[in-house]
Protein backbone atom coordinates (compact mmCIF):
# COMPACT_ATOMS: atom_id res chain seq x y z
CA UNK A 1 -18.12 -29.31 160.92
CA UNK A 2 -16.54 -27.07 158.29
CA UNK A 3 -18.70 -28.63 155.58
CA UNK A 4 -21.70 -27.91 157.88
CA UNK A 5 -20.90 -24.38 158.14
CA UNK A 6 -20.17 -24.00 154.42
CA UNK A 7 -23.58 -25.43 153.66
CA UNK A 8 -25.27 -22.94 156.17
CA UNK A 9 -23.73 -20.16 154.26
CA UNK A 10 -24.07 -21.58 150.60
CA UNK A 11 -27.53 -20.47 150.05
CA UNK A 12 -26.70 -16.71 150.60
CA UNK A 13 -24.34 -17.13 147.61
CA UNK A 14 -26.77 -18.40 145.12
CA UNK A 15 -28.29 -15.85 142.82
CA UNK A 16 -32.11 -14.81 142.88
CA UNK A 17 -34.22 -17.06 140.75
CA UNK A 18 -32.42 -20.29 141.76
CA UNK A 19 -35.14 -22.84 142.39
CA UNK A 20 -36.09 -22.98 146.09
CA UNK A 21 -35.56 -26.81 146.13
CA UNK A 22 -31.79 -26.06 145.79
CA UNK A 23 -31.76 -24.02 149.06
CA UNK A 24 -34.14 -26.42 150.79
CA UNK A 25 -31.82 -29.39 149.91
CA UNK A 26 -28.75 -27.54 151.11
CA UNK A 27 -30.38 -26.79 154.51
CA UNK A 28 -31.78 -30.49 154.84
CA UNK A 29 -28.22 -31.68 154.08
CA UNK A 30 -26.67 -29.53 156.71
CA UNK A 31 -29.14 -30.56 159.21
CA UNK A 32 -28.37 -34.26 158.39
CA UNK A 33 -24.67 -33.77 158.64
CA UNK A 34 -25.17 -31.81 161.85
CA UNK A 35 -27.05 -34.69 163.37
CA UNK A 36 -24.44 -37.29 162.21
CA UNK A 37 -21.79 -35.27 163.85
CA UNK A 38 -23.76 -35.01 167.07
CA UNK A 39 -24.24 -38.71 167.19
CA UNK A 40 -20.65 -39.56 166.30
CA UNK A 41 -18.01 -40.59 168.83
CA UNK A 42 -15.49 -37.65 168.37
CA UNK A 43 -14.65 -34.38 169.88
CA UNK A 44 -17.69 -32.48 168.62
CA UNK A 45 -20.29 -35.22 169.05
CA UNK A 46 -22.87 -34.90 171.82
CA UNK A 47 -23.68 -38.60 172.00
CA UNK A 48 -21.43 -41.47 171.18
CA UNK A 49 -23.84 -43.62 169.18
CA UNK A 50 -22.02 -43.72 165.79
CA UNK A 51 -18.44 -44.90 165.62
CA UNK A 52 -15.99 -42.62 164.09
CA UNK A 53 -15.16 -44.91 161.33
CA UNK A 54 -18.71 -45.45 160.63
CA UNK A 55 -19.21 -41.81 160.47
CA UNK A 56 -16.63 -41.58 157.68
CA UNK A 57 -18.06 -44.40 155.83
CA UNK A 58 -21.58 -42.83 155.87
CA UNK A 59 -20.09 -39.43 154.83
CA UNK A 60 -18.05 -40.79 151.97
CA UNK A 61 -20.87 -42.82 150.61
CA UNK A 62 -23.11 -39.75 150.56
CA UNK A 63 -20.56 -38.05 148.18
CA UNK A 64 -22.03 -39.38 144.87
CA UNK A 65 -25.64 -38.50 145.93
CA UNK A 66 -24.39 -34.90 146.62
CA UNK A 67 -22.73 -34.74 143.29
CA UNK A 68 -25.95 -36.13 141.43
CA UNK A 69 -28.62 -34.18 143.47
CA UNK A 70 -28.68 -31.13 141.22
CA UNK A 71 -29.74 -33.30 138.35
CA UNK A 72 -32.01 -35.42 140.51
CA UNK A 73 -33.87 -32.37 141.87
CA UNK A 74 -33.99 -30.31 138.56
CA UNK A 75 -31.72 -27.52 139.42
CA UNK A 76 -28.55 -28.46 137.33
CA UNK A 77 -28.99 -25.52 135.03
CA UNK A 78 -28.26 -23.04 137.67
CA UNK A 79 -24.36 -23.13 137.91
CA UNK A 80 -23.88 -21.65 141.28
CA UNK A 81 -26.33 -24.13 142.97
CA UNK A 82 -24.76 -27.05 141.05
CA UNK A 83 -21.29 -25.92 142.10
CA UNK A 84 -22.38 -26.01 145.86
CA UNK A 85 -23.53 -29.59 145.68
CA UNK A 86 -20.51 -30.86 143.58
CA UNK A 87 -18.14 -29.15 146.03
CA UNK A 88 -19.86 -30.49 148.95
CA UNK A 89 -19.74 -34.07 147.45
CA UNK A 90 -15.88 -33.72 146.81
CA UNK A 91 -15.66 -32.44 150.38
CA UNK A 92 -17.82 -35.26 151.86
CA UNK A 93 -15.71 -37.72 150.14
CA UNK A 94 -12.39 -36.27 151.25
CA UNK A 95 -13.58 -35.80 154.97
CA UNK A 96 -15.17 -39.07 154.99
CA UNK A 97 -12.05 -40.98 153.74
CA UNK A 98 -9.83 -39.17 156.47
CA UNK A 99 -12.16 -41.02 159.10
CA UNK A 100 -11.93 -44.50 157.63
CA UNK A 101 -9.83 -46.73 159.86
CA UNK A 102 -9.48 -44.18 162.68
CA UNK A 103 -10.44 -44.96 166.25
CA UNK A 104 -12.96 -43.06 168.06
CA UNK A 105 -11.64 -39.85 169.92
CA UNK A 106 -13.89 -40.54 172.86
CA UNK A 107 -14.84 -43.59 174.83
CA UNK A 108 -18.18 -45.24 174.34
CA UNK A 109 -19.01 -45.02 177.83
CA UNK A 110 -19.98 -41.40 177.56
């Protein structure tokens, strides 16, 4: 959830003139991670549809894409926007790795 909150606040820290695609990508990423969290079998999840270990695998697998996104979408020349996605990629990798091999925090019957 910390990464989701950080991504929600990040567009406010990028300077004026940063391409809009960077802001849109940030909000879409935030929405996708929030949805994954809501579907995961852990304390903050609403529906137990994704095992917590699978959540970790998905999150850490997303990390290389996050790091590459500024170059893929063409806003790598803006250091603040680029730094947001590189930091998000590192955070996603570290957070995802903490979930690998862990058991679900909630029962699947909920």
